[in-house]
PDB file of N, CA and C in Angstrom:
ATOM      1  N   MET A   1      -6.693  -7.710 -14.597  1.00  0.00           N
ATOM      2  CA  MET A   1      -6.736  -6.712 -13.613  1.00  0.00           C
ATOM      3  C   MET A   1      -6.305  -7.396 -12.500  1.00  0.00           C
ATOM      4  N   ARG A   2      -6.855  -8.572 -12.255  1.00  0.00           N
ATOM      5  CA  ARG A   2      -6.949  -9.621 -10.985  1.00  0.00           C
ATOM      6  C   ARG A   2      -5.451  -9.938 -10.876  1.00  0.00           C
ATOM      7  N   GLU A   3      -4.756 -10.318 -11.969  1.00  0.00           N
ATOM      8  CA  GLU A   3      -3.290 -10.873 -12.118  1.00  0.00           C
ATOM      9  C   GLU A   3      -2.419  -9.798 -11.546  1.00  0.00           C
ATOM     10  N   ILE A   4      -2.451  -8.630 -12.172  1.00  0.00           N
ATOM     11  CA  ILE A   4      -1.484  -7.429 -11.662  1.00  0.00           C
ATOM     12  C   ILE A   4      -1.554  -7.258 -10.260  1.00  0.00           C
ATOM     13  N   ILE A   5      -2.932  -7.057  -9.829  1.00  0.00           N
ATOM     14  CA  ILE A   5      -3.055  -6.883  -8.216  1.00  0.00           C
ATOM     15  C   ILE A   5      -2.463  -7.795  -7.658  1.00  0.00           C
ATOM     16  N   GLN A   6      -2.695  -9.223  -7.860  1.00  0.00           N
ATOM     17  CA  GLN A   6      -2.036 -10.234  -7.032  1.00  0.00           C
ATOM     18  C   GLN A   6      -0.648  -9.920  -6.959  1.00  0.00           C
ATOM     19  N   LYS A   7      -0.123  -9.916  -8.228  1.00  0.00           N
ATOM     20  CA  LYS A   7       1.281  -9.592  -8.283  1.00  0.00           C
ATOM     21  C   LYS A   7       1.868  -8.670  -7.239  1.00  0.00           C
ATOM     22  N   LEU A   8       1.208  -7.560  -7.452  1.00  0.00           N
ATOM     23  CA  LEU A   8       1.412  -6.350  -6.507  1.00  0.00           C
ATOM     24  C   LEU A   8       1.332  -6.927  -4.902  1.00  0.00           C
ATOM     25  N   PHE A   9       0.230  -7.585  -4.639  1.00  0.00           N
ATOM     26  CA  PHE A   9       0.278  -8.001  -3.222  1.00  0.00           C
ATOM     27  C   PHE A   9       1.379  -9.040  -2.681  1.00  0.00           C
ATOM     28  N   ASP A  10       1.715  -9.947  -3.920  1.00  0.00           N
ATOM     29  CA  ASP A  10       2.902 -10.807  -3.926  1.00  0.00           C
ATOM     30  C   ASP A  10       4.290 -10.350  -3.452  1.00  0.00           C
ATOM     31  N   SER A  11       4.228  -8.898  -3.981  1.00  0.00           N
ATOM     32  CA  SER A  11       5.376  -8.185  -3.930  1.00  0.00           C
ATOM     33  C   SER A  11       6.025  -8.012  -2.491  1.00  0.00           C
ATOM     34  N   GLU A  12       7.569  -7.613  -2.575  1.00  0.00           N
ATOM     35  CA  GLU A  12       7.956  -7.122  -1.118  1.00  0.00           C
ATOM     36  C   GLU A  12       7.474  -5.638  -0.711  1.00  0.00           C
ATOM     37  N   LEU A  13       6.739  -5.142  -1.613  1.00  0.00           N
ATOM     38  CA  LEU A  13       6.497  -3.801  -1.334  1.00  0.00           C
ATOM     39  C   LEU A  13       5.456  -3.940   0.128  1.00  0.00           C
ATOM     40  N   SER A  14       5.667  -3.065   1.124  1.00  0.00           N
ATOM     41  CA  SER A  14       4.893  -3.258   2.230  1.00  0.00           C
ATOM     42  C   SER A  14       3.411  -2.742   1.980  1.00  0.00           C
ATOM     43  N   SER A  15       2.502  -3.043   2.929  1.00  0.00           N
ATOM     44  CA  SER A  15       0.877  -2.645   2.593  1.00  0.00           C
ATOM     45  C   SER A  15       1.140  -1.306   3.052  1.00  0.00           C
ATOM     46  N   LEU A  16       2.037  -0.715   4.046  1.00  0.00           N
ATOM     47  CA  LEU A  16       1.877   0.568   4.357  1.00  0.00           C
ATOM     48  C   LEU A  16       2.406   1.674   2.928  1.00  0.00           C
ATOM     49  N   TYR A  17       3.345   0.847   2.444  1.00  0.00           N
ATOM     50  CA  TYR A  17       3.926   1.824   1.327  1.00  0.00           C
ATOM     51  C   TYR A  17       2.762   1.948   0.080  1.00  0.00           C
ATOM     52  N   ILE A  18       2.225   0.575  -0.084  1.00  0.00           N
ATOM     53  CA  ILE A  18       1.010   0.416  -1.165  1.00  0.00           C
ATOM     54  C   ILE A  18      -0.005   1.587  -0.662  1.00  0.00           C
ATOM     55  N   SER A  19      -0.482   1.896   0.513  1.00  0.00           N
ATOM     56  CA  SER A  19      -1.365   2.450   0.937  1.00  0.00           C
ATOM     57  C   SER A  19      -1.279   3.864   0.843  1.00  0.00           C
ATOM     58  N   LYS A  20       0.102   4.116   1.188  1.00  0.00           N
ATOM     59  CA  LYS A  20       0.530   5.616   1.233  1.00  0.00           C
ATOM     60  C   LYS A  20       0.435   6.115  -0.425  1.00  0.00           C
ATOM     61  N   GLN A  21       0.796   5.209  -1.261  1.00  0.00           N
ATOM     62  CA  GLN A  21       0.950   5.886  -2.521  1.00  0.00           C
ATOM     63  C   GLN A  21      -0.450   5.578  -3.359  1.00  0.00           C
ATOM     64  N   THR A  22      -1.268   4.950  -2.806  1.00  0.00           N
ATOM     65  CA  THR A  22      -2.488   4.921  -3.642  1.00  0.00           C
ATOM     66  C   THR A  22      -3.664   5.405  -2.774  1.00  0.00           C
ATOM     67  N   GLY A  23      -3.579   5.446  -1.716  1.00  0.00           N
ATOM     68  CA  GLY A  23      -4.671   5.941  -0.987  1.00  0.00           C
ATOM     69  C   GLY A  23      -5.878   4.719  -0.341  1.00  0.00           C
ATOM     70  N   VAL A  24      -5.540   3.633  -1.136  1.00  0.00           N
ATOM     71  CA  VAL A  24      -6.197   2.702  -0.349  1.00  0.00           C
ATOM     72  C   VAL A  24      -6.073   2.166   1.032  1.00  0.00           C
ATOM     73  N   PRO A  25      -6.784   2.014   1.863  1.00  0.00           N
ATOM     74  CA  PRO A  25      -6.443   1.722   3.136  1.00  0.00           C
ATOM     75  C   PRO A  25      -5.477   0.512   3.538  1.00  0.00           C
ATOM     76  N   GLN A  26      -4.647   0.788   4.484  1.00  0.00           N
ATOM     77  CA  GLN A  26      -3.649  -0.029   4.852  1.00  0.00           C
ATOM     78  C   GLN A  26      -4.356  -1.350   5.286  1.00  0.00           C
ATOM     79  N   SER A  27      -5.481  -1.210   5.967  1.00  0.00           N
ATOM     80  CA  SER A  27      -6.121  -2.600   6.408  1.00  0.00           C
ATOM     81  C   SER A  27      -6.722  -3.473   5.448  1.00  0.00           C
ATOM     82  N   THR A  28      -7.089  -2.794   4.250  1.00  0.00           N
ATOM     83  CA  THR A  28      -7.785  -3.196   3.266  1.00  0.00           C
ATOM     84  C   THR A  28      -6.872  -4.022   2.449  1.00  0.00           C
ATOM     85  N   ILE A  29      -5.767  -3.716   2.348  1.00  0.00           N
ATOM     86  CA  ILE A  29      -4.376  -4.276   1.516  1.00  0.00           C
ATOM     87  C   ILE A  29      -3.957  -5.353   2.519  1.00  0.00           C
ATOM     88  N   TYR A  30      -3.770  -5.130   3.715  1.00  0.00           N
ATOM     89  CA  TYR A  30      -3.432  -6.221   4.408  1.00  0.00           C
ATOM     90  C   TYR A  30      -4.403  -7.413   4.635  1.00  0.00           C
ATOM     91  N   ARG A  31      -5.559  -7.003   4.836  1.00  0.00           N
ATOM     92  CA  ARG A  31      -6.639  -8.350   4.822  1.00  0.00           C
ATOM     93  C   ARG A  31      -6.535  -9.070   3.290  1.00  0.00           C
ATOM     94  N   MET A  32      -6.455  -8.384   2.214  1.00  0.00           N
ATOM     95  CA  MET A  32      -6.269  -8.956   0.809  1.00  0.00           C
ATOM     96  C   MET A  32      -4.995  -9.915   0.879  1.00  0.00           C
ATOM     97  N   ARG A  33      -3.817  -9.478   1.300  1.00  0.00           N
ATOM     98  CA  ARG A  33      -2.628 -10.061   1.154  1.00  0.00           C
ATOM     99  C   ARG A  33      -2.655 -11.358   2.211  1.00  0.00           C
ATOM    100  N   THR A  34      -3.451 -11.356   3.500  1.00  0.00           N
ATOM    101  CA  THR A  34      -3.729 -12.336   4.303  1.00  0.00           C
ATOM    102  C   THR A  34      -4.495 -13.388   3.928  1.00  0.00           C
ATOM    103  N   GLY A  35      -5.571 -13.118   3.120  1.00  0.00           N
ATOM    104  CA  GLY A  35      -6.600 -13.970   2.584  1.00  0.00           C
ATOM    105  C   GLY A  35      -7.772 -13.757   3.387  1.00  0.00           C
ATOM    106  N   ASP A  36      -7.694 -12.818   4.361  1.00  0.00           N
ATOM    107  CA  ASP A  36      -8.816 -12.717   5.218  1.00  0.00           C
ATOM    108  C   ASP A  36      -9.960 -11.826   4.510  1.00  0.00           C
ATOM    109  N   ARG A  37      -9.874 -11.307   3.285  1.00  0.00           N
ATOM    110  CA  ARG A  37     -10.775 -10.584   2.298  1.00  0.00           C
ATOM    111  C   ARG A  37     -10.290 -11.135   0.813  1.00  0.00           C
ATOM    112  N   SER A  38     -11.264 -11.373  -0.068  1.00  0.00           N
ATOM    113  CA  SER A  38     -11.013 -11.791  -1.175  1.00  0.00           C
ATOM    114  C   SER A  38     -10.917 -10.800  -2.168  1.00  0.00           C
ATOM    115  N   LEU A  39     -10.289 -10.742  -3.510  1.00  0.00           N
ATOM    116  CA  LEU A  39     -10.089  -9.784  -4.505  1.00  0.00           C
ATOM    117  C   LEU A  39     -11.714  -9.489  -4.983  1.00  0.00           C
ATOM    118  N   ASP A  40     -12.289 -10.493  -4.843  1.00  0.00           N
ATOM    119  CA  ASP A  40     -13.690 -10.361  -5.382  1.00  0.00           C
ATOM    120  C   ASP A  40     -14.470  -9.339  -4.739  1.00  0.00           C
ATOM    121  N   ASN A  41     -14.018  -9.159  -3.393  1.00  0.00           N
ATOM    122  CA  ASN A  41     -14.860  -7.971  -2.772  1.00  0.00           C
ATOM    123  C   ASN A  41     -14.107  -6.705  -2.743  1.00  0.00           C
ATOM    124  N   LEU A  42     -13.251  -6.571  -3.656  1.00  0.00           N
ATOM    125  CA  LEU A  42     -12.541  -5.127  -3.758  1.00  0.00           C
ATOM    126  C   LEU A  42     -13.515  -4.305  -4.669  1.00  0.00           C
ATOM    127  N   SER A  43     -13.550  -3.218  -4.386  1.00  0.00           N
ATOM    128  CA  SER A  43     -14.458  -2.230  -5.084  1.00  0.00           C
ATOM    129  C   SER A  43     -13.578  -1.775  -6.486  1.00  0.00           C
ATOM    130  N   LEU A  44     -14.321  -1.344  -7.190  1.00  0.00           N
ATOM    131  CA  LEU A  44     -13.947  -1.162  -8.620  1.00  0.00           C
ATOM    132  C   LEU A  44     -12.970  -0.127  -8.774  1.00  0.00           C
ATOM    133  N   LYS A  45     -13.300   0.989  -7.526  1.00  0.00           N
ATOM    134  CA  LYS A  45     -12.377   2.279  -7.710  1.00  0.00           C
ATOM    135  C   LYS A  45     -11.167   1.551  -7.207  1.00  0.00           C
ATOM    136  N   ASN A  46     -11.035   1.036  -6.174  1.00  0.00           N
ATOM    137  CA  ASN A  46      -9.947   0.536  -5.530  1.00  0.00           C
ATOM    138  C   ASN A  46      -9.143  -0.500  -6.666  1.00  0.00           C
ATOM    139  N   ALA A  47      -9.647  -1.182  -7.353  1.00  0.00           N
ATOM    140  CA  ALA A  47      -9.033  -2.325  -8.129  1.00  0.00           C
ATOM    141  C   ALA A  47      -8.296  -1.573  -9.035  1.00  0.00           C
ATOM    142  N   GLU A  48      -9.154  -0.386  -9.667  1.00  0.00           N
ATOM    143  CA  GLU A  48      -8.645   0.383 -10.965  1.00  0.00           C
ATOM    144  C   GLU A  48      -7.125   1.333 -10.184  1.00  0.00           C
ATOM    145  N   ILE A  49      -7.441   1.762  -8.979  1.00  0.00           N
ATOM    146  CA  ILE A  49      -6.154   2.394  -8.468  1.00  0.00           C
ATOM    147  C   ILE A  49      -5.084   1.417  -8.125  1.00  0.00           C
ATOM    148  N   LEU A  50      -5.332   0.374  -7.439  1.00  0.00           N
ATOM    149  CA  LEU A  50      -4.364  -0.708  -7.395  1.00  0.00           C
ATOM    150  C   LEU A  50      -3.572  -1.045  -8.753  1.00  0.00           C
ATOM    151  N   SER A  51      -4.573  -1.393  -9.828  1.00  0.00           N
ATOM    152  CA  SER A  51      -3.985  -1.682 -10.827  1.00  0.00           C
ATOM    153  C   SER A  51      -2.950  -0.909 -11.458  1.00  0.00           C
ATOM    154  N   LYS A  52      -3.442   0.420 -11.745  1.00  0.00           N
ATOM    155  CA  LYS A  52      -2.614   1.397 -12.358  1.00  0.00           C
ATOM    156  C   LYS A  52      -1.362   1.677 -11.301  1.00  0.00           C
ATOM    157  N   PHE A  53      -1.260   1.436 -10.170  1.00  0.00           N
ATOM    158  CA  PHE A  53      -0.159   1.678  -9.339  1.00  0.00           C
ATOM    159  C   PHE A  53       0.738   0.484  -9.536  1.00  0.00           C
ATOM    160  N   ALA A  54       0.231  -0.707  -9.702  1.00  0.00           N
ATOM    161  CA  ALA A  54       1.092  -2.089  -9.954  1.00  0.00           C
ATOM    162  C   ALA A  54       1.609  -1.755 -11.415  1.00  0.00           C
ATOM    163  N   LYS A  55       0.995  -1.377 -12.362  1.00  0.00           N
ATOM    164  CA  LYS A  55       1.430  -1.090 -13.656  1.00  0.00           C
ATOM    165  C   LYS A  55       2.711  -0.254 -13.723  1.00  0.00           C
ATOM    166  N   ASP A  56       2.513   0.663 -13.011  1.00  0.00           N
ATOM    167  CA  ASP A  56       3.634   1.903 -12.931  1.00  0.00           C
ATOM    168  C   ASP A  56       4.946   1.475 -12.202  1.00  0.00           C
ATOM    169  N   VAL A  57       4.548   0.419 -11.062  1.00  0.00           N
ATOM    170  CA  VAL A  57       5.643  -0.195 -10.231  1.00  0.00           C
ATOM    171  C   VAL A  57       6.453  -1.035 -11.097  1.00  0.00           C
ATOM    172  N   PHE A  58       5.874  -1.955 -11.878  1.00  0.00           N
ATOM    173  CA  PHE A  58       6.435  -2.939 -12.635  1.00  0.00           C
ATOM    174  C   PHE A  58       6.962  -2.588 -13.983  1.00  0.00           C
ATOM    175  N   ASP A  59       6.603  -1.450 -14.616  1.00  0.00           N
ATOM    176  CA  ASP A  59       6.988  -0.913 -15.831  1.00  0.00           C
ATOM    177  C   ASP A  59       8.377  -0.342 -15.378  1.00  0.00           C
ATOM    178  N   LYS A  60       8.348   0.242 -14.316  1.00  0.00           N
ATOM    179  CA  LYS A  60       9.640   0.789 -13.750  1.00  0.00           C
ATOM    180  C   LYS A  60      10.747  -0.012 -13.598  1.00  0.00           C
ATOM    181  N   GLU A  61      10.162  -1.242 -13.030  1.00  0.00           N
ATOM    182  CA  GLU A  61      11.013  -2.300 -12.582  1.00  0.00           C
ATOM    183  C   GLU A  61      12.022  -2.864 -13.916  1.00  0.00           C
ATOM    184  N   ILE A  62      10.899  -2.907 -14.895  1.00  0.00           N
ATOM    185  CA  ILE A  62      11.495  -3.418 -16.262  1.00  0.00           C
ATOM    186  C   ILE A  62      12.223  -2.391 -16.924  1.00  0.00           C
ATOM    187  N   GLU A  63      12.200  -1.130 -16.394  1.00  0.00           N
ATOM    188  CA  GLU A  63      13.261  -0.362 -17.197  1.00  0.00           C
ATOM    189  C   GLU A  63      14.493  -0.337 -16.519  1.00  0.00           C
ATOM    190  N   HIS A  64      14.431  -0.572 -15.420  1.00  0.00           N
ATOM    191  CA  HIS A  64      15.922  -0.664 -14.373  1.00  0.00           C
ATOM    192  C   HIS A  64      16.700  -1.766 -14.818  1.00  0.00           C
ATOM    193  N   LYS A  65      16.103  -2.662 -15.456  1.00  0.00           N
ATOM    194  CA  LYS A  65      16.616  -3.921 -15.561  1.00  0.00           C
ATOM    195  C   LYS A  65      17.585  -3.918 -16.778  1.00  0.00           C
TER     196      LYS A  65
END
């Protein structure tokens, strides 16, 4: 789960877009991306939401190749 969330944070998708699509606060996503907050401190609920969203995004990306 950690790897796919990190891949999402390393992607070109904006923090605002990820936030709007998942409901996870933009500030949380931004702080994770900048290293101000660790993935270790992400709630299980938000981790599950972001993981599912990332899988959906990357599955669609593979389909379009």
